[in-house]
Amino acid sequence: MSLATPVKLAIYDTFARTAKAPTVSDIAKQLDAPLDQVQAAFDELHKQRLLVPEPGDKTRIRMAPPFSGIETAFRVTVDGKVYFAPCAWDSLGIPAALHQDAVVHAADGHTGEPITLVVRNGAPVLEPCVIHIAVPAAHWWDDIIYT
């Protein structure tokens, strides 16, 4: 029997509670499950495009959208916790996933000028800005870390 669903839920629960990415070992301990079976679930979730392992270390999570396992230029503050998003799109996904208000701190990719977006009551507060997505969505997974 696959552990993919309980592992996925444990990963997202850990991100939500701690704002940090769990490892295969963390999830195995949390679920009291064999390490090799949890690793197999991580591999399965990657194939399903639900997580991206850290290059060179498939026991660690680079991203489980909308969450990033590493610091990025998209910092999302929710209820005093700082989360990181892989991209501008996912920075709005974090407050949606958590059903919380948030403040997103980012920077203009061209000028470096700081950008702050606020999400309140489930919607972004209107602010003139542009989010440029350079790669068509159909090609995001060609190189999801770059995208």
Protein backbone atom coordinates (compact mmCIF):
# COMPACT_ATOMS: atom_id res chain seq x y z
CA MET A 1 0.00 0.00 0.00
CA SER A 2 1.33 3.42 -0.95
CA LEU A 3 2.04 5.98 1.72
CA ALA A 4 1.80 8.84 -0.79
CA THR A 5 -1.37 10.41 0.64
CA PRO A 6 -0.40 10.28 4.34
CA VAL A 7 3.11 11.48 3.45
CA LYS A 8 1.71 14.36 1.38
CA LEU A 9 -0.60 15.40 4.20
CA ALA A 10 2.26 15.20 6.73
CA ILE A 11 4.50 17.32 4.48
CA TYR A 12 1.88 20.06 4.12
CA ASP A 13 0.99 19.90 7.81
CA THR A 14 4.65 20.35 8.72
CA PHE A 15 5.06 23.28 6.31
CA ALA A 16 1.90 24.92 7.69
CA ARG A 17 2.90 24.49 11.35
CA THR A 18 6.63 25.21 11.12
CA ALA A 19 7.21 27.13 7.86
CA LYS A 20 10.02 24.61 7.24
CA ALA A 21 10.38 21.67 4.87
CA PRO A 22 10.46 18.26 6.51
CA THR A 23 12.89 15.55 5.39
CA VAL A 24 12.13 11.92 4.61
CA SER A 25 13.44 11.10 8.09
CA ASP A 26 11.16 13.69 9.73
CA ILE A 27 8.09 12.28 8.00
CA ALA A 28 9.07 8.67 8.73
CA LYS A 29 9.30 9.54 12.43
CA GLN A 30 6.04 11.51 12.36
CA LEU A 31 4.16 8.64 10.69
CA ASP A 32 6.10 5.85 12.43
CA ALA A 33 6.75 4.43 8.97
CA PRO A 34 9.76 2.71 7.40
CA LEU A 35 12.25 5.14 5.87
CA ASP A 36 12.36 3.31 2.52
CA GLN A 37 8.57 3.45 2.17
CA VAL A 38 8.50 7.17 2.95
CA GLN A 39 11.29 7.73 0.41
CA ALA A 40 9.23 5.79 -2.14
CA ALA A 41 6.27 8.07 -1.34
CA PHE A 42 8.47 11.17 -1.82
CA ASP A 43 9.54 9.74 -5.21
CA GLU A 44 5.91 9.08 -6.13
CA LEU A 45 4.87 12.60 -5.12
CA HIS A 46 7.66 13.99 -7.28
CA LYS A 47 6.41 11.99 -10.25
CA GLN A 48 2.94 13.43 -9.58
CA ARG A 49 4.48 16.94 -9.56
CA LEU A 50 3.45 17.52 -5.95
CA LEU A 51 6.96 18.04 -4.64
CA VAL A 52 10.42 18.72 -5.97
CA PRO A 53 13.38 17.13 -4.22
CA GLU A 54 16.51 19.11 -3.49
CA PRO A 55 18.93 18.50 -6.38
CA GLY A 56 21.49 15.93 -5.26
CA ASP A 57 19.50 14.91 -2.15
CA LYS A 58 16.11 13.34 -2.78
CA THR A 59 15.48 13.04 0.99
CA ARG A 60 15.05 16.83 1.20
CA ILE A 61 12.32 19.00 -0.31
CA ARG A 62 13.18 21.97 -2.52
CA MET A 63 9.50 22.79 -3.01
CA ALA A 64 6.04 21.47 -2.34
CA PRO A 65 4.05 24.17 -4.07
CA PRO A 66 3.07 26.69 -2.90
CA PHE A 67 5.83 26.26 -0.28
CA SER A 68 9.57 26.46 -0.83
CA GLY A 69 11.99 24.47 1.28
CA ILE A 70 14.68 27.09 0.79
CA GLU A 71 14.76 30.85 1.20
CA THR A 72 13.63 32.70 -1.91
CA ALA A 73 12.90 36.24 -3.01
CA PHE A 74 9.21 35.66 -2.19
CA ARG A 75 8.79 35.98 1.58
CA VAL A 76 5.26 35.47 2.88
CA THR A 77 4.40 36.44 6.46
CA VAL A 78 1.33 34.75 7.92
CA ASP A 79 0.37 35.08 11.58
CA GLY A 80 3.97 35.92 12.55
CA LYS A 81 5.53 33.01 10.62
CA VAL A 82 7.72 33.56 7.59
CA TYR A 83 7.22 31.18 4.70
CA PHE A 84 9.01 31.22 1.36
CA ALA A 85 7.36 30.65 -2.00
CA PRO A 86 9.07 29.39 -5.14
CA CYS A 87 7.59 32.21 -7.25
CA ALA A 88 5.17 35.15 -7.32
CA TRP A 89 2.25 32.91 -8.22
CA ASP A 90 2.90 30.59 -5.26
CA SER A 91 3.38 33.55 -2.91
CA LEU A 92 -0.36 34.13 -3.28
CA GLY A 93 -1.00 30.41 -2.92
CA ILE A 94 0.40 30.26 0.61
CA PRO A 95 -2.27 32.45 2.21
CA ALA A 96 -4.88 30.62 0.12
CA ALA A 97 -3.63 27.23 1.36
CA LEU A 98 -3.52 28.42 4.96
CA HIS A 99 -6.81 30.37 4.78
CA GLN A 100 -5.06 33.30 6.45
CA ASP A 101 -4.27 36.94 5.77
CA ALA A 102 -0.68 37.55 4.66
CA VAL A 103 1.91 40.06 3.61
CA VAL A 104 4.10 39.14 0.64
CA HIS A 105 7.49 40.80 0.33
CA ALA A 106 9.20 40.50 -3.02
CA ALA A 107 11.25 42.63 -5.40
CA ASP A 108 10.84 43.81 -8.95
CA GLY A 109 12.83 41.33 -11.03
CA HIS A 110 14.12 44.10 -13.27
CA THR A 111 14.78 47.04 -10.94
CA GLY A 112 15.07 45.32 -7.57
CA GLU A 113 12.51 47.77 -6.15
CA PRO A 114 10.69 46.24 -3.16
CA ILE A 115 7.13 45.07 -3.75
CA THR A 116 4.65 44.40 -0.97
CA LEU A 117 1.36 42.66 -1.57
CA VAL A 118 -1.29 42.17 1.09
CA VAL A 119 -3.82 39.36 1.15
CA ARG A 120 -6.84 40.08 3.32
CA ASN A 121 -10.05 38.07 3.69
CA GLY A 122 -9.01 35.62 0.99
CA ALA A 123 -8.13 38.14 -1.71
CA PRO A 124 -5.17 40.33 -2.65
CA VAL A 125 -5.61 43.99 -1.72
CA LEU A 126 -5.57 45.82 -5.04
CA GLU A 127 -2.15 47.24 -5.76
CA PRO A 128 -0.81 48.32 -9.14
CA CYS A 129 1.83 45.78 -10.11
CA VAL A 130 2.70 43.33 -12.81
CA ILE A 131 3.64 39.71 -12.36
CA HIS A 132 5.58 38.52 -15.39
CA ILE A 133 5.62 34.79 -16.00
CA ALA A 134 8.35 34.27 -18.58
CA VAL A 135 7.78 30.56 -19.20
CA PRO A 136 4.42 29.27 -20.48
CA ALA A 137 2.67 27.07 -17.91
CA ALA A 138 2.87 24.07 -20.25
CA HIS A 139 6.66 24.21 -19.87
CA TRP A 140 7.05 24.92 -16.15
CA TRP A 141 7.97 21.34 -15.34
CA ASP A 142 10.62 21.21 -18.08
CA ASP A 143 12.87 22.82 -15.42
CA ILE A 144 10.65 23.67 -12.46
CA ILE A 145 13.52 24.97 -10.31
CA TYR A 146 14.47 27.55 -12.93
CA THR A 147 10.86 28.42 -13.73
